[in-house]
Amino acid sequence: MKVDKDMTDQKPRKKMNFNWFFWWRINPEELQRQISEYKTLKIYQSARGLSFLYLIFAALVTGIFILLSVLDQTAFIDIVLFLVIGLFVFRGHRWAIIMAMVVWTFEKCMFLIASIEASNPSLIQIVWWTIYMQAFYLAFKVERARQKRL
């Protein structure tokens, strides 16, 4: 059987990356990079910065939903909570990262339960939950590793 040269020179196809779905799996190289470049990473590159940006985005989306009357005025509490927690997450407080994980989990569970009760289950809540949890968990692992080094 003759093998075409073009076939042997082809690069292997990249597999679809679902690391965000398996949020508890942390790449050891990425963890070490986050620790060693902690002070120099840009906000959108660091786990704590990305977690902060995610919380700001959640606050903005919540605000838009309030303006569109999708959510009621009590959701302003969520906005304040997201922003305050986000500030402490960005400053590297482990308790704030844990609080972010708990609040985000509670929030997504409430939306999922409401969608199931409305006979319209929304799996998008699970997708958003996993994306955010991956950033929060990496930020937590980074801060815990940095604390052990001190």
N, C-alpha and C. Protein backbone atom coordinates (compact mmCIF):
# COMPACT_ATOMS: atom_id res chain seq x y z
N MET A 1 0.84 -1.17 0.00
CA MET A 1 0.00 0.00 0.00
C MET A 1 0.88 1.23 0.00
N LYS A 2 0.60 2.11 -0.90
CA LYS A 2 1.39 3.31 -1.06
C LYS A 2 0.79 4.43 -0.20
N VAL A 3 1.64 5.10 0.57
CA VAL A 3 1.20 6.18 1.44
C VAL A 3 1.53 7.50 0.76
N ASP A 4 0.57 8.32 0.64
CA ASP A 4 0.74 9.64 0.04
C ASP A 4 1.54 10.52 0.99
N LYS A 5 2.55 11.23 0.49
CA LYS A 5 3.40 12.08 1.31
C LYS A 5 2.58 13.16 2.03
N ASP A 6 1.57 13.68 1.36
CA ASP A 6 0.74 14.71 1.98
C ASP A 6 0.03 14.18 3.23
N MET A 7 -0.30 12.90 3.22
CA MET A 7 -1.00 12.31 4.36
C MET A 7 -0.08 12.19 5.57
N THR A 8 1.20 11.91 5.37
CA THR A 8 2.12 11.72 6.49
C THR A 8 2.58 13.05 7.07
N ASP A 9 2.52 14.13 6.31
CA ASP A 9 2.96 15.43 6.80
C ASP A 9 1.87 16.22 7.49
N GLN A 10 0.67 15.70 7.48
CA GLN A 10 -0.42 16.43 8.11
C GLN A 10 -0.26 16.43 9.62
N LYS A 11 -0.58 17.57 10.20
CA LYS A 11 -0.54 17.68 11.65
C LYS A 11 -1.76 16.98 12.21
N PRO A 12 -1.62 16.38 13.39
CA PRO A 12 -2.80 15.74 13.98
C PRO A 12 -3.86 16.78 14.31
N ARG A 13 -5.09 16.40 14.13
CA ARG A 13 -6.20 17.30 14.44
C ARG A 13 -6.23 17.57 15.93
N LYS A 14 -6.52 18.82 16.25
CA LYS A 14 -6.66 19.17 17.65
C LYS A 14 -7.98 18.62 18.17
N LYS A 15 -7.92 18.02 19.33
CA LYS A 15 -9.14 17.54 19.95
C LYS A 15 -9.86 18.73 20.57
N MET A 16 -11.16 18.62 20.61
CA MET A 16 -11.94 19.68 21.23
C MET A 16 -11.60 19.72 22.72
N ASN A 17 -11.37 20.89 23.24
CA ASN A 17 -10.94 21.05 24.61
C ASN A 17 -12.14 21.31 25.52
N PHE A 18 -12.44 20.36 26.38
CA PHE A 18 -13.54 20.50 27.32
C PHE A 18 -13.02 20.64 28.75
N ASN A 19 -11.82 21.20 28.92
CA ASN A 19 -11.25 21.35 30.26
C ASN A 19 -12.14 22.17 31.17
N TRP A 20 -12.83 23.15 30.63
CA TRP A 20 -13.72 23.97 31.45
C TRP A 20 -14.84 23.14 32.06
N PHE A 21 -15.23 22.06 31.38
CA PHE A 21 -16.30 21.21 31.90
C PHE A 21 -15.81 20.37 33.07
N PHE A 22 -14.57 19.96 33.01
CA PHE A 22 -13.95 19.20 34.10
C PHE A 22 -13.15 20.16 34.96
N TRP A 23 -13.84 21.09 35.62
CA TRP A 23 -13.23 22.22 36.30
C TRP A 23 -12.30 21.82 37.43
N TRP A 24 -12.44 20.64 37.98
CA TRP A 24 -11.60 20.23 39.09
C TRP A 24 -10.24 19.70 38.63
N ARG A 25 -10.07 19.52 37.35
CA ARG A 25 -8.78 19.08 36.80
C ARG A 25 -7.93 20.31 36.50
N ILE A 26 -6.85 20.41 37.22
CA ILE A 26 -5.96 21.56 37.07
C ILE A 26 -4.68 21.08 36.41
N ASN A 27 -4.31 21.75 35.32
CA ASN A 27 -3.07 21.45 34.63
C ASN A 27 -1.91 21.88 35.53
N PRO A 28 -1.01 20.96 35.92
CA PRO A 28 0.08 21.31 36.83
C PRO A 28 1.00 22.41 36.27
N GLU A 29 1.22 22.41 34.95
CA GLU A 29 2.06 23.45 34.35
C GLU A 29 1.39 24.82 34.47
N GLU A 30 0.08 24.85 34.26
CA GLU A 30 -0.65 26.12 34.37
C GLU A 30 -0.64 26.61 35.82
N LEU A 31 -0.80 25.70 36.75
CA LEU A 31 -0.75 26.08 38.17
C LEU A 31 0.60 26.68 38.51
N GLN A 32 1.68 26.05 38.06
CA GLN A 32 3.03 26.57 38.34
C GLN A 32 3.25 27.93 37.66
N ARG A 33 2.72 28.09 36.45
CA ARG A 33 2.85 29.36 35.75
C ARG A 33 2.09 30.46 36.51
N GLN A 34 0.91 30.13 36.98
CA GLN A 34 0.12 31.10 37.73
C GLN A 34 0.84 31.53 39.00
N ILE A 35 1.51 30.60 39.64
CA ILE A 35 2.23 30.91 40.89
C ILE A 35 3.50 31.71 40.60
N SER A 36 4.28 31.25 39.63
CA SER A 36 5.56 31.91 39.37
C SER A 36 5.40 33.29 38.74
N GLU A 37 4.34 33.50 37.98
CA GLU A 37 4.12 34.80 37.32
C GLU A 37 2.97 35.57 37.97
N TYR A 38 2.73 35.31 39.23
CA TYR A 38 1.59 35.86 39.96
C TYR A 38 1.48 37.37 39.85
N LYS A 39 2.58 38.05 40.04
CA LYS A 39 2.57 39.53 40.04
C LYS A 39 2.62 40.13 38.64
N THR A 40 3.02 39.36 37.64
CA THR A 40 3.22 39.92 36.30
C THR A 40 2.13 39.59 35.29
N LEU A 41 1.29 38.60 35.59
CA LEU A 41 0.23 38.24 34.66
C LEU A 41 -0.79 39.36 34.53
N LYS A 42 -1.28 39.57 33.33
CA LYS A 42 -2.33 40.55 33.11
C LYS A 42 -3.61 40.04 33.75
N ILE A 43 -4.54 40.94 34.00
CA ILE A 43 -5.77 40.58 34.72
C ILE A 43 -6.53 39.45 34.03
N TYR A 44 -6.55 39.43 32.71
CA TYR A 44 -7.29 38.39 31.99
C TYR A 44 -6.49 37.10 31.83
N GLN A 45 -5.23 37.09 32.31
CA GLN A 45 -4.41 35.89 32.24
C GLN A 45 -4.35 35.15 33.57
N SER A 46 -4.51 35.89 34.66
CA SER A 46 -4.40 35.26 35.98
C SER A 46 -5.74 34.67 36.39
N ALA A 47 -5.68 33.62 37.15
CA ALA A 47 -6.91 32.96 37.61
C ALA A 47 -7.72 33.88 38.49
N ARG A 48 -7.07 34.62 39.38
CA ARG A 48 -7.80 35.52 40.26
C ARG A 48 -8.39 36.68 39.45
N GLY A 49 -7.64 37.19 38.48
CA GLY A 49 -8.13 38.27 37.63
C GLY A 49 -9.29 37.84 36.77
N LEU A 50 -9.19 36.64 36.20
CA LEU A 50 -10.27 36.11 35.38
C LEU A 50 -11.52 35.88 36.22
N SER A 51 -11.34 35.38 37.43
CA SER A 51 -12.47 35.19 38.34
C SER A 51 -13.13 36.52 38.64
N PHE A 52 -12.33 37.54 38.87
CA PHE A 52 -12.84 38.89 39.11
C PHE A 52 -13.62 39.40 37.90
N LEU A 53 -13.07 39.23 36.72
CA LEU A 53 -13.76 39.67 35.50
C LEU A 53 -15.06 38.91 35.29
N TYR A 54 -15.07 37.61 35.59
CA TYR A 54 -16.30 36.83 35.48
C TYR A 54 -17.37 37.37 36.42
N LEU A 55 -16.97 37.73 37.64
CA LEU A 55 -17.94 38.26 38.60
C LEU A 55 -18.46 39.63 38.16
N ILE A 56 -17.59 40.45 37.58
CA ILE A 56 -18.05 41.73 37.04
C ILE A 56 -19.04 41.49 35.90
N PHE A 57 -18.73 40.55 35.03
CA PHE A 57 -19.63 40.22 33.93
C PHE A 57 -20.99 39.75 34.46
N ALA A 58 -20.97 38.89 35.49
CA ALA A 58 -22.22 38.42 36.08
C ALA A 58 -23.02 39.59 36.66
N ALA A 59 -22.33 40.54 37.29
CA ALA A 59 -23.01 41.72 37.83
C ALA A 59 -23.62 42.55 36.71
N LEU A 60 -22.90 42.71 35.61
CA LEU A 60 -23.42 43.47 34.47
C LEU A 60 -24.65 42.80 33.85
N VAL A 61 -24.57 41.51 33.67
CA VAL A 61 -25.70 40.77 33.09
C VAL A 61 -26.90 40.85 34.03
N THR A 62 -26.67 40.72 35.31
CA THR A 62 -27.76 40.84 36.27
C THR A 62 -28.39 42.23 36.19
N GLY A 63 -27.56 43.26 36.09
CA GLY A 63 -28.07 44.63 35.95
C GLY A 63 -28.91 44.80 34.70
N ILE A 64 -28.46 44.23 33.61
CA ILE A 64 -29.23 44.30 32.35
C ILE A 64 -30.57 43.59 32.51
N PHE A 65 -30.56 42.43 33.17
CA PHE A 65 -31.81 41.70 33.38
C PHE A 65 -32.77 42.47 34.28
N ILE A 66 -32.23 43.22 35.24
CA ILE A 66 -33.08 44.06 36.08
C ILE A 66 -33.71 45.16 35.23
N LEU A 67 -32.90 45.80 34.39
CA LEU A 67 -33.41 46.88 33.53
C LEU A 67 -34.47 46.37 32.55
N LEU A 68 -34.32 45.14 32.10
CA LEU A 68 -35.28 44.55 31.16
C LEU A 68 -36.47 43.90 31.87
N SER A 69 -36.51 44.03 33.19
CA SER A 69 -37.58 43.47 34.04
C SER A 69 -37.65 41.94 33.99
N VAL A 70 -36.55 41.30 33.65
CA VAL A 70 -36.48 39.84 33.71
C VAL A 70 -36.29 39.42 35.17
N LEU A 71 -35.52 40.21 35.91
CA LEU A 71 -35.32 39.99 37.34
C LEU A 71 -35.89 41.18 38.10
N ASP A 72 -36.29 40.94 39.34
CA ASP A 72 -36.82 42.06 40.13
C ASP A 72 -35.69 42.82 40.83
N GLN A 73 -36.07 43.88 41.52
CA GLN A 73 -35.11 44.80 42.14
C GLN A 73 -34.24 44.12 43.22
N THR A 74 -34.70 43.03 43.79
CA THR A 74 -33.91 42.36 44.83
C THR A 74 -32.61 41.79 44.26
N ALA A 75 -32.53 41.65 42.96
CA ALA A 75 -31.31 41.14 42.33
C ALA A 75 -30.15 42.12 42.45
N PHE A 76 -30.44 43.37 42.86
CA PHE A 76 -29.35 44.32 43.13
C PHE A 76 -28.44 43.79 44.24
N ILE A 77 -29.00 42.99 45.13
CA ILE A 77 -28.19 42.37 46.18
C ILE A 77 -27.13 41.48 45.55
N ASP A 78 -27.52 40.74 44.52
CA ASP A 78 -26.56 39.89 43.81
C ASP A 78 -25.44 40.71 43.19
N ILE A 79 -25.80 41.85 42.61
CA ILE A 79 -24.80 42.71 41.98
C ILE A 79 -23.77 43.16 43.01
N VAL A 80 -24.25 43.66 44.14
CA VAL A 80 -23.34 44.12 45.21
C VAL A 80 -22.49 42.95 45.70
N LEU A 81 -23.12 41.81 45.90
CA LEU A 81 -22.40 40.62 46.37
C LEU A 81 -21.31 40.21 45.39
N PHE A 82 -21.64 40.15 44.10
CA PHE A 82 -20.66 39.77 43.09
C PHE A 82 -19.48 40.74 43.08
N LEU A 83 -19.76 42.02 43.16
CA LEU A 83 -18.69 43.02 43.09
C LEU A 83 -17.81 43.01 44.33
N VAL A 84 -18.40 42.89 45.50
CA VAL A 84 -17.61 42.85 46.74
C VAL A 84 -16.77 41.59 46.80
N ILE A 85 -17.39 40.46 46.52
CA ILE A 85 -16.63 39.20 46.52
C ILE A 85 -15.53 39.27 45.47
N GLY A 86 -15.86 39.79 44.29
CA GLY A 86 -14.87 39.90 43.21
C GLY A 86 -13.66 40.71 43.61
N LEU A 87 -13.87 41.80 44.33
CA LEU A 87 -12.76 42.64 44.78
C LEU A 87 -11.82 41.85 45.70
N PHE A 88 -12.40 41.10 46.63
CA PHE A 88 -11.57 40.31 47.54
C PHE A 88 -10.92 39.11 46.84
N VAL A 89 -11.60 38.56 45.85
CA VAL A 89 -11.00 37.48 45.05
C VAL A 89 -9.77 38.02 44.32
N PHE A 90 -9.92 39.19 43.73
CA PHE A 90 -8.80 39.79 43.00
C PHE A 90 -7.62 40.08 43.93
N ARG A 91 -7.91 40.41 45.17
CA ARG A 91 -6.85 40.68 46.15
C ARG A 91 -6.24 39.39 46.70
N GLY A 92 -6.78 38.23 46.30
CA GLY A 92 -6.17 36.95 46.64
C GLY A 92 -6.64 36.32 47.94
N HIS A 93 -7.81 36.70 48.42
CA HIS A 93 -8.33 36.11 49.66
C HIS A 93 -9.01 34.78 49.37
N ARG A 94 -8.51 33.73 50.01
CA ARG A 94 -9.06 32.39 49.78
C ARG A 94 -10.51 32.29 50.23
N TRP A 95 -10.85 32.92 51.35
CA TRP A 95 -12.23 32.86 51.84
C TRP A 95 -13.19 33.46 50.81
N ALA A 96 -12.75 34.48 50.10
CA ALA A 96 -13.60 35.11 49.09
C ALA A 96 -13.78 34.19 47.89
N ILE A 97 -12.73 33.46 47.55
CA ILE A 97 -12.84 32.52 46.43
C ILE A 97 -13.82 31.40 46.79
N ILE A 98 -13.73 30.91 48.02
CA ILE A 98 -14.67 29.88 48.48
C ILE A 98 -16.08 30.45 48.48
N MET A 99 -16.22 31.68 48.96
CA MET A 99 -17.54 32.32 48.97
C MET A 99 -18.07 32.47 47.54
N ALA A 100 -17.21 32.83 46.60
CA ALA A 100 -17.62 32.95 45.21
C ALA A 100 -18.13 31.61 44.69
N MET A 101 -17.44 30.52 45.03
CA MET A 101 -17.88 29.20 44.59
C MET A 101 -19.23 28.84 45.19
N VAL A 102 -19.41 29.15 46.48
CA VAL A 102 -20.67 28.83 47.14
C VAL A 102 -21.81 29.68 46.58
N VAL A 103 -21.60 30.98 46.46
CA VAL A 103 -22.64 31.87 45.94
C VAL A 103 -22.99 31.51 44.50
N TRP A 104 -21.97 31.25 43.68
CA TRP A 104 -22.23 30.91 42.29
C TRP A 104 -22.99 29.59 42.17
N THR A 105 -22.63 28.62 42.99
CA THR A 105 -23.33 27.33 42.99
C THR A 105 -24.79 27.53 43.42
N PHE A 106 -25.00 28.27 44.49
CA PHE A 106 -26.36 28.54 44.97
C PHE A 106 -27.18 29.24 43.88
N GLU A 107 -26.58 30.24 43.27
CA GLU A 107 -27.26 31.02 42.23
C GLU A 107 -27.69 30.12 41.06
N LYS A 108 -26.78 29.31 40.59
CA LYS A 108 -27.09 28.45 39.44
C LYS A 108 -28.11 27.36 39.81
N CYS A 109 -28.03 26.86 41.03
CA CYS A 109 -29.02 25.87 41.48
C CYS A 109 -30.41 26.49 41.53
N MET A 110 -30.51 27.71 42.02
CA MET A 110 -31.81 28.39 42.08
C MET A 110 -32.39 28.59 40.67
N PHE A 111 -31.54 29.01 39.73
CA PHE A 111 -32.02 29.18 38.35
C PHE A 111 -32.42 27.84 37.74
N LEU A 112 -31.65 26.80 38.02
CA LEU A 112 -31.95 25.48 37.47
C LEU A 112 -33.26 24.94 38.05
N ILE A 113 -33.46 25.10 39.35
CA ILE A 113 -34.69 24.63 39.98
C ILE A 113 -35.89 25.40 39.42
N ALA A 114 -35.73 26.71 39.27
CA ALA A 114 -36.82 27.53 38.72
C ALA A 114 -37.15 27.11 37.29
N SER A 115 -36.14 26.79 36.51
CA SER A 115 -36.40 26.38 35.12
C SER A 115 -37.05 25.01 35.06
N ILE A 116 -36.71 24.13 35.99
CA ILE A 116 -37.34 22.80 36.03
C ILE A 116 -38.79 22.93 36.45
N GLU A 117 -39.05 23.79 37.45
CA GLU A 117 -40.43 24.01 37.90
C GLU A 117 -41.28 24.62 36.80
N ALA A 118 -40.66 25.41 35.93
CA ALA A 118 -41.40 26.01 34.81
C ALA A 118 -41.48 25.05 33.62
N SER A 119 -41.10 23.81 33.82
CA SER A 119 -41.09 22.78 32.77
C SER A 119 -40.26 23.19 31.57
N ASN A 120 -39.20 23.92 31.85
CA ASN A 120 -38.30 24.38 30.79
C ASN A 120 -36.85 24.28 31.31
N PRO A 121 -36.37 23.06 31.56
CA PRO A 121 -35.03 22.94 32.15
C PRO A 121 -33.96 23.55 31.25
N SER A 122 -33.12 24.35 31.86
CA SER A 122 -32.07 25.04 31.12
C SER A 122 -30.70 24.51 31.53
N LEU A 123 -30.12 23.73 30.66
CA LEU A 123 -28.81 23.17 30.93
C LEU A 123 -27.70 24.20 30.79
N ILE A 124 -28.03 25.35 30.23
CA ILE A 124 -27.03 26.41 30.09
C ILE A 124 -26.53 26.84 31.47
N GLN A 125 -27.35 26.70 32.48
CA GLN A 125 -26.93 27.05 33.85
C GLN A 125 -25.75 26.17 34.28
N ILE A 126 -25.78 24.91 33.89
CA ILE A 126 -24.70 23.99 34.24
C ILE A 126 -23.43 24.38 33.49
N VAL A 127 -23.57 24.77 32.24
CA VAL A 127 -22.41 25.20 31.45
C VAL A 127 -21.77 26.44 32.08
N TRP A 128 -22.59 27.46 32.41
CA TRP A 128 -22.05 28.66 33.05
C TRP A 128 -21.40 28.33 34.39
N TRP A 129 -22.03 27.43 35.13
CA TRP A 129 -21.50 27.04 36.43
C TRP A 129 -20.10 26.43 36.26
N THR A 130 -19.93 25.53 35.31
CA THR A 130 -18.64 24.87 35.13
C THR A 130 -17.56 25.85 34.66
N ILE A 131 -17.92 26.78 33.78
CA ILE A 131 -16.94 27.75 33.29
C ILE A 131 -16.42 28.60 34.45
N TYR A 132 -17.33 29.11 35.25
CA TYR A 132 -16.94 29.96 36.38
C TYR A 132 -16.18 29.15 37.44
N MET A 133 -16.66 27.94 37.71
CA MET A 133 -16.01 27.13 38.75
C MET A 133 -14.57 26.78 38.39
N GLN A 134 -14.30 26.59 37.11
CA GLN A 134 -12.93 26.29 36.70
C GLN A 134 -12.00 27.45 37.05
N ALA A 135 -12.43 28.66 36.79
CA ALA A 135 -11.62 29.84 37.12
C ALA A 135 -11.50 30.00 38.63
N PHE A 136 -12.61 29.86 39.35
CA PHE A 136 -12.57 30.00 40.80
C PHE A 136 -11.67 28.95 41.44
N TYR A 137 -11.78 27.71 40.99
CA TYR A 137 -11.00 26.63 41.59
C TYR A 137 -9.51 26.81 41.32
N LEU A 138 -9.16 27.21 40.11
CA LEU A 138 -7.75 27.47 39.81
C LEU A 138 -7.23 28.61 40.68
N ALA A 139 -8.02 29.66 40.83
CA ALA A 139 -7.61 30.78 41.70
C ALA A 139 -7.41 30.30 43.13
N PHE A 140 -8.29 29.44 43.61
CA PHE A 140 -8.15 28.91 44.96
C PHE A 140 -6.87 28.08 45.10
N LYS A 141 -6.62 27.21 44.13
CA LYS A 141 -5.41 26.38 44.18
C LYS A 141 -4.15 27.24 44.15
N VAL A 142 -4.14 28.30 43.36
CA VAL A 142 -3.00 29.21 43.29
C VAL A 142 -2.78 29.87 44.64
N GLU A 143 -3.84 30.41 45.22
CA GLU A 143 -3.71 31.11 46.51
C GLU A 143 -3.31 30.15 47.62
N ARG A 144 -3.82 28.95 47.59
CA ARG A 144 -3.44 27.95 48.61
C ARG A 144 -1.96 27.58 48.47
N ALA A 145 -1.50 27.38 47.24
CA ALA A 145 -0.09 27.04 47.02
C ALA A 145 0.82 28.20 47.42
N ARG A 146 0.41 29.42 47.13
CA ARG A 146 1.21 30.59 47.53
C ARG A 146 1.27 30.71 49.05
N GLN A 147 0.18 30.42 49.73
CA GLN A 147 0.15 30.50 51.19
C GLN A 147 1.09 29.47 51.81
N LYS A 148 1.15 28.28 51.22
CA LYS A 148 2.05 27.23 51.72
C LYS A 148 3.52 27.64 51.57
N ARG A 149 3.82 28.42 50.54
CA ARG A 149 5.19 28.85 50.31
C ARG A 149 5.64 29.93 51.27
N LEU A 150 4.70 30.67 51.84
CA LEU A 150 5.07 31.78 52.75
C LEU A 150 5.46 31.32 54.11
